[in-house]
């Protein structure tokens, strides 16, 4: 059996050939030269001098006059009239104009003014009279100060059923707002919504309003004339009864 080296021996020459460097053939290069030229600028005719009114003279001595174009004049317009300058607070102006129409005397404004010590407070009993319909009286539960929309919330009981009404004090339908009775002590809240509860409900105020109207009529004197007429009727009735009793005794 031949050794393994004898098998690879015929291939050793190929290995040597492969290890030899390949011949390097020089590259043939061709050098070309081209002629180039810079393009010349076109020749323009000389500029004509501008008139003297377009010349701007140099401010420093020794400098030449510069020729410039005339300045561009932009047309400006005045600003439009400002509405803020004419009426800085339009909401207050509109409210004042409406109040002068709805309350020309200013009595209701003074009545519900914050600086008025006798102004109605929550817890007082007020009565409002309308141009059409019956008056409504009740306990003032809330006073909403909103300028023209100032309103009060009144609560009363009608046929044992609680009734509440928002009254716009500047409404043309409201002819008068009067104080019936003030609260016993100052309320510690700005809105007495707890009066809707059963244990805090004051009930009907109709009796208080009737007593107030009766005292008002007494002061004005209208009740005095009515009382005198009633007393006269009672005296005539008693005199007639006495006559009848005397006639019966004589017959007996």
Protein backbone atom coordinates (compact mmCIF):
# COMPACT_ATOMS: atom_id res chain seq x y z
CA UNK A 1 0.00 0.00 0.00
CA UNK A 2 1.47 3.23 -1.09
CA UNK A 3 1.87 5.99 1.48
CA UNK A 4 -0.53 8.93 1.28
CA UNK A 5 2.29 11.34 0.41
CA UNK A 6 2.86 9.64 -2.95
CA UNK A 7 -0.76 10.33 -3.88
CA UNK A 8 -0.40 14.14 -3.44
CA UNK A 9 2.99 14.31 -5.09
CA UNK A 10 1.74 14.81 -8.70
CA UNK A 11 -0.29 17.78 -7.51
CA UNK A 12 2.61 19.60 -5.94
CA UNK A 13 3.57 21.28 -9.23
CA UNK A 14 0.11 22.76 -9.58
CA UNK A 15 0.43 24.14 -6.12
CA UNK A 16 3.66 25.88 -7.03
CA UNK A 17 2.12 27.33 -10.17
CA UNK A 18 -0.81 28.69 -8.25
CA UNK A 19 1.48 30.30 -5.68
CA UNK A 20 3.44 32.26 -8.34
CA UNK A 21 2.26 35.88 -8.73
CA UNK A 22 0.36 36.69 -11.86
CA UNK A 23 2.03 39.02 -14.33
CA UNK A 24 0.99 42.69 -14.03
CA UNK A 25 0.34 44.28 -17.36
CA UNK A 26 0.83 48.10 -17.46
CA UNK A 27 -2.31 50.11 -18.23
CA UNK A 28 -2.09 52.32 -21.21
CA UNK A 29 -3.53 55.83 -20.54
CA UNK A 30 -4.13 58.59 -23.00
CA UNK A 31 -3.82 62.24 -21.96
CA UNK A 32 -6.03 64.76 -23.78
CA UNK A 33 -5.81 68.52 -23.45
CA UNK A 34 -8.67 70.88 -24.27
CA UNK A 35 -8.62 74.60 -24.62
CA UNK A 36 -11.00 76.60 -22.39
CA UNK A 37 -11.88 80.25 -22.36
CA UNK A 38 -13.74 82.45 -19.86
CA UNK A 39 -16.85 84.04 -21.36
CA UNK A 40 -16.73 87.75 -21.47
CA UNK A 41 -19.41 89.94 -20.00
CA UNK A 42 -21.60 91.75 -22.45
CA UNK A 43 -20.86 95.38 -23.00
CA UNK A 44 -23.77 97.60 -22.03
CA UNK A 45 -24.12 101.23 -22.99
CA UNK A 46 -23.20 103.68 -20.24
CA UNK A 47 -25.95 104.83 -17.94
CA UNK A 48 -27.30 108.28 -18.36
CA UNK A 49 -26.99 110.54 -15.32
CA UNK A 50 -30.14 110.97 -13.23
CA UNK A 51 -31.68 114.36 -12.67
CA UNK A 52 -30.40 116.42 -9.81
CA UNK A 53 -33.54 115.87 -7.70
CA UNK A 54 -32.67 112.17 -7.45
CA UNK A 55 -29.13 112.77 -6.19
CA UNK A 56 -28.23 112.23 -2.57
CA UNK A 57 -25.21 114.21 -1.52
CA UNK A 58 -22.60 112.73 0.79
CA UNK A 59 -22.56 113.96 4.34
CA UNK A 60 -18.84 113.50 4.88
CA UNK A 61 -16.36 115.64 2.98
CA UNK A 62 -14.31 114.01 0.26
CA UNK A 63 -16.95 111.50 -0.77
CA UNK A 64 -18.62 111.48 -4.13
CA UNK A 65 -22.29 111.85 -4.61
CA UNK A 66 -24.24 108.60 -4.53
CA UNK A 67 -26.95 108.11 -7.06
CA UNK A 68 -29.94 106.35 -5.61
CA UNK A 69 -33.52 105.84 -6.60
CA UNK A 70 -36.22 108.08 -5.10
CA UNK A 71 -37.65 106.83 -1.77
CA UNK A 72 -40.86 104.85 -1.96
CA UNK A 73 -43.68 106.76 -0.27
CA UNK A 74 -46.34 104.52 1.33
CA UNK A 75 -49.81 105.89 1.79
CA UNK A 76 -50.89 105.69 5.42
CA UNK A 77 -54.43 105.87 6.78
CA UNK A 78 -55.53 107.10 10.21
CA UNK A 79 -56.69 104.41 12.69
CA UNK A 80 -60.44 103.77 12.88
CA UNK A 81 -62.35 105.32 15.78
CA UNK A 82 -62.01 103.23 18.92
CA UNK A 83 -65.23 102.09 20.57
CA UNK A 84 -63.33 101.47 23.80
CA UNK A 85 -62.40 105.15 24.03
CA UNK A 86 -66.03 106.17 23.45
CA UNK A 87 -67.45 103.59 25.89
CA UNK A 88 -64.83 101.93 28.11
CA UNK A 89 -67.41 99.84 30.04
CA UNK A 90 -70.34 99.03 27.73
CA UNK A 91 -72.01 96.59 30.13
CA UNK A 92 -72.28 99.14 32.93
CA UNK A 93 -73.49 101.80 30.51
CA UNK A 94 -76.18 99.47 29.15
CA UNK A 95 -77.28 98.52 32.68
CA UNK A 96 -77.50 102.17 33.71
CA UNK A 97 -79.58 103.04 30.64
CA UNK A 98 -82.00 100.17 31.32
CA UNK A 99 -82.34 101.09 34.99
CA UNK A 100 -83.13 104.69 34.06
CA UNK A 101 -86.06 103.36 32.00
CA UNK A 102 -87.32 100.67 34.40
CA UNK A 103 -86.73 102.65 37.62
CA UNK A 104 -86.74 106.36 36.75
CA UNK A 105 -87.12 107.51 40.38
CA UNK A 106 -84.43 105.16 41.69
CA UNK A 107 -86.56 104.06 44.65
CA UNK A 108 -86.05 100.34 44.13
CA UNK A 109 -82.33 100.79 43.62
CA UNK A 110 -82.11 102.59 46.97
CA UNK A 111 -84.35 99.99 48.61
CA UNK A 112 -82.12 97.05 47.64
CA UNK A 113 -78.80 98.93 47.80
CA UNK A 114 -76.03 97.20 49.74
CA UNK A 115 -75.28 100.45 51.56
CA UNK A 116 -78.87 100.90 52.77
CA UNK A 117 -79.14 99.79 56.43
CA UNK A 118 -82.94 99.39 56.10
CA UNK A 119 -82.73 97.21 53.00
CA UNK A 120 -84.67 93.92 53.07
CA UNK A 121 -82.71 90.92 54.30
CA UNK A 122 -83.25 87.21 54.00
CA UNK A 123 -85.78 86.02 56.56
CA UNK A 124 -87.99 89.13 56.28
CA UNK A 125 -91.61 88.90 55.16
CA UNK A 126 -92.27 90.90 51.98
CA UNK A 127 -95.38 91.50 49.92
CA UNK A 128 -95.26 92.25 46.19
CA UNK A 129 -98.10 93.80 44.22
CA UNK A 130 -98.51 93.23 40.51
CA UNK A 131 -100.22 95.15 37.78
CA UNK A 132 -102.37 92.13 36.98
CA UNK A 133 -103.23 89.44 39.50
CA UNK A 134 -103.32 89.10 43.26
CA UNK A 135 -100.41 90.19 45.46
CA UNK A 136 -98.00 87.55 46.73
CA UNK A 137 -96.47 87.62 50.20
CA UNK A 138 -93.86 85.31 51.67
CA UNK A 139 -90.61 84.87 53.51
CA UNK A 140 -87.59 86.16 51.58
CA UNK A 141 -85.32 83.16 51.06
CA UNK A 142 -82.74 84.68 48.71
CA UNK A 143 -81.77 88.04 47.17
CA UNK A 144 -79.98 87.80 43.85
CA UNK A 145 -78.13 91.02 42.94
CA UNK A 146 -77.73 90.96 39.13
CA UNK A 147 -78.22 94.55 38.01
CA UNK A 148 -81.34 94.72 35.85
CA UNK A 149 -82.07 91.06 36.66
CA UNK A 150 -82.06 91.58 40.44
CA UNK A 151 -84.71 89.31 41.94
CA UNK A 152 -85.96 87.95 45.26
CA UNK A 153 -87.26 84.51 46.17
CA UNK A 154 -90.42 84.44 48.33
CA UNK A 155 -91.91 81.37 50.01
CA UNK A 156 -95.41 80.93 51.42
CA UNK A 157 -97.98 78.19 52.00
CA UNK A 158 -101.17 78.17 49.98
CA UNK A 159 -103.74 75.61 51.13
CA UNK A 160 -100.98 73.90 53.16
CA UNK A 161 -98.80 73.49 50.07
CA UNK A 162 -95.46 75.26 49.84
CA UNK A 163 -95.25 77.81 47.02
CA UNK A 164 -92.20 79.78 45.93
CA UNK A 165 -91.92 82.67 43.47
CA UNK A 166 -88.97 84.53 41.94
CA UNK A 167 -89.90 88.21 41.65
CA UNK A 168 -87.94 90.54 39.35
CA UNK A 169 -87.88 93.82 41.25
CA UNK A 170 -87.38 95.92 38.08
CA UNK A 171 -90.11 94.16 36.12
CA UNK A 172 -92.74 96.53 34.65
CA UNK A 173 -95.43 94.17 35.95
CA UNK A 174 -94.36 94.75 39.58
CA UNK A 175 -96.06 97.85 40.99
CA UNK A 176 -94.74 97.73 44.56
CA UNK A 177 -92.64 95.82 47.11
CA UNK A 178 -93.38 96.44 50.81
CA UNK A 179 -91.91 95.24 54.07
CA UNK A 180 -94.42 93.40 56.28
CA UNK A 181 -92.25 92.12 59.12
CA UNK A 182 -88.55 91.90 59.79
CA UNK A 183 -86.86 88.76 60.99
CA UNK A 184 -86.38 88.35 64.73
CA UNK A 185 -82.61 87.89 64.39
CA UNK A 186 -80.09 88.17 61.62
CA UNK A 187 -79.83 85.05 59.48
CA UNK A 188 -76.43 83.40 59.38
CA UNK A 189 -76.85 82.33 55.79
CA UNK A 190 -77.28 84.19 52.53
CA UNK A 191 -79.88 81.71 51.21
CA UNK A 192 -82.44 80.15 53.50
CA UNK A 193 -83.10 77.03 51.46
CA UNK A 194 -83.42 75.02 54.66
CA UNK A 195 -86.93 76.53 55.06
CA UNK A 196 -88.09 73.90 52.59
CA UNK A 197 -87.61 71.26 55.26
CA UNK A 198 -90.62 70.42 57.34
CA UNK A 199 -89.04 71.19 60.71
CA UNK A 200 -87.88 74.66 59.56
CA UNK A 201 -90.87 75.69 57.44
CA UNK A 202 -92.56 78.82 58.78
CA UNK A 203 -95.91 77.90 57.31
CA UNK A 204 -98.40 80.39 55.97
CA UNK A 205 -97.79 84.10 56.54
CA UNK A 206 -101.31 85.15 55.58
CA UNK A 207 -102.25 85.93 59.19
CA UNK A 208 -99.21 88.19 59.64
CA UNK A 209 -100.04 90.02 56.40
CA UNK A 210 -103.67 90.56 57.45
CA UNK A 211 -102.62 92.05 60.80
CA UNK A 212 -100.14 94.30 59.05
CA UNK A 213 -102.77 95.53 56.58
CA UNK A 214 -105.21 96.17 59.42
CA UNK A 215 -102.68 98.25 61.33
CA UNK A 216 -101.85 100.11 58.15
CA UNK A 217 -105.50 100.99 57.61
CA UNK A 218 -105.74 102.16 61.23
CA UNK A 219 -102.82 104.49 60.75
CA UNK A 220 -104.20 105.87 57.50
CA UNK A 221 -107.63 106.54 59.09
CA UNK A 222 -109.69 104.46 56.72
CA UNK A 223 -110.50 102.00 59.45
CA UNK A 224 -111.54 104.83 61.82
CA UNK A 225 -114.45 105.88 59.63
CA UNK A 226 -115.49 102.28 59.15
CA UNK A 227 -115.33 101.64 62.90
CA UNK A 228 -117.51 104.68 63.64
CA UNK A 229 -120.11 103.50 61.16
CA UNK A 230 -120.07 100.02 62.66
CA UNK A 231 -120.44 101.43 66.16
CA UNK A 232 -123.42 103.52 65.01
CA UNK A 233 -125.09 100.46 63.58
CA UNK A 234 -124.48 98.55 66.78
CA UNK A 235 -125.93 101.42 68.87
CA UNK A 236 -129.09 101.59 66.80
CA UNK A 237 -129.53 97.84 67.07
CA UNK A 238 -129.13 97.93 70.84
CA UNK A 239 -131.62 100.87 71.09
CA UNK A 240 -134.17 98.93 69.07
CA UNK A 241 -133.74 95.87 71.26
CA UNK A 242 -134.28 98.00 74.40
CA UNK A 243 -137.50 99.44 72.95
CA UNK A 244 -138.84 95.99 72.18
CA UNK A 245 -138.09 94.77 75.67
CA UNK A 246 -139.83 97.86 77.22
CA UNK A 247 -142.96 97.29 75.13
CA UNK A 248 -143.14 93.67 76.21
CA UNK A 249 -142.90 94.65 79.88
CA UNK A 250 -145.75 97.25 79.56
CA UNK A 251 -148.04 94.68 78.00
CA UNK A 252 -147.43 92.28 80.81
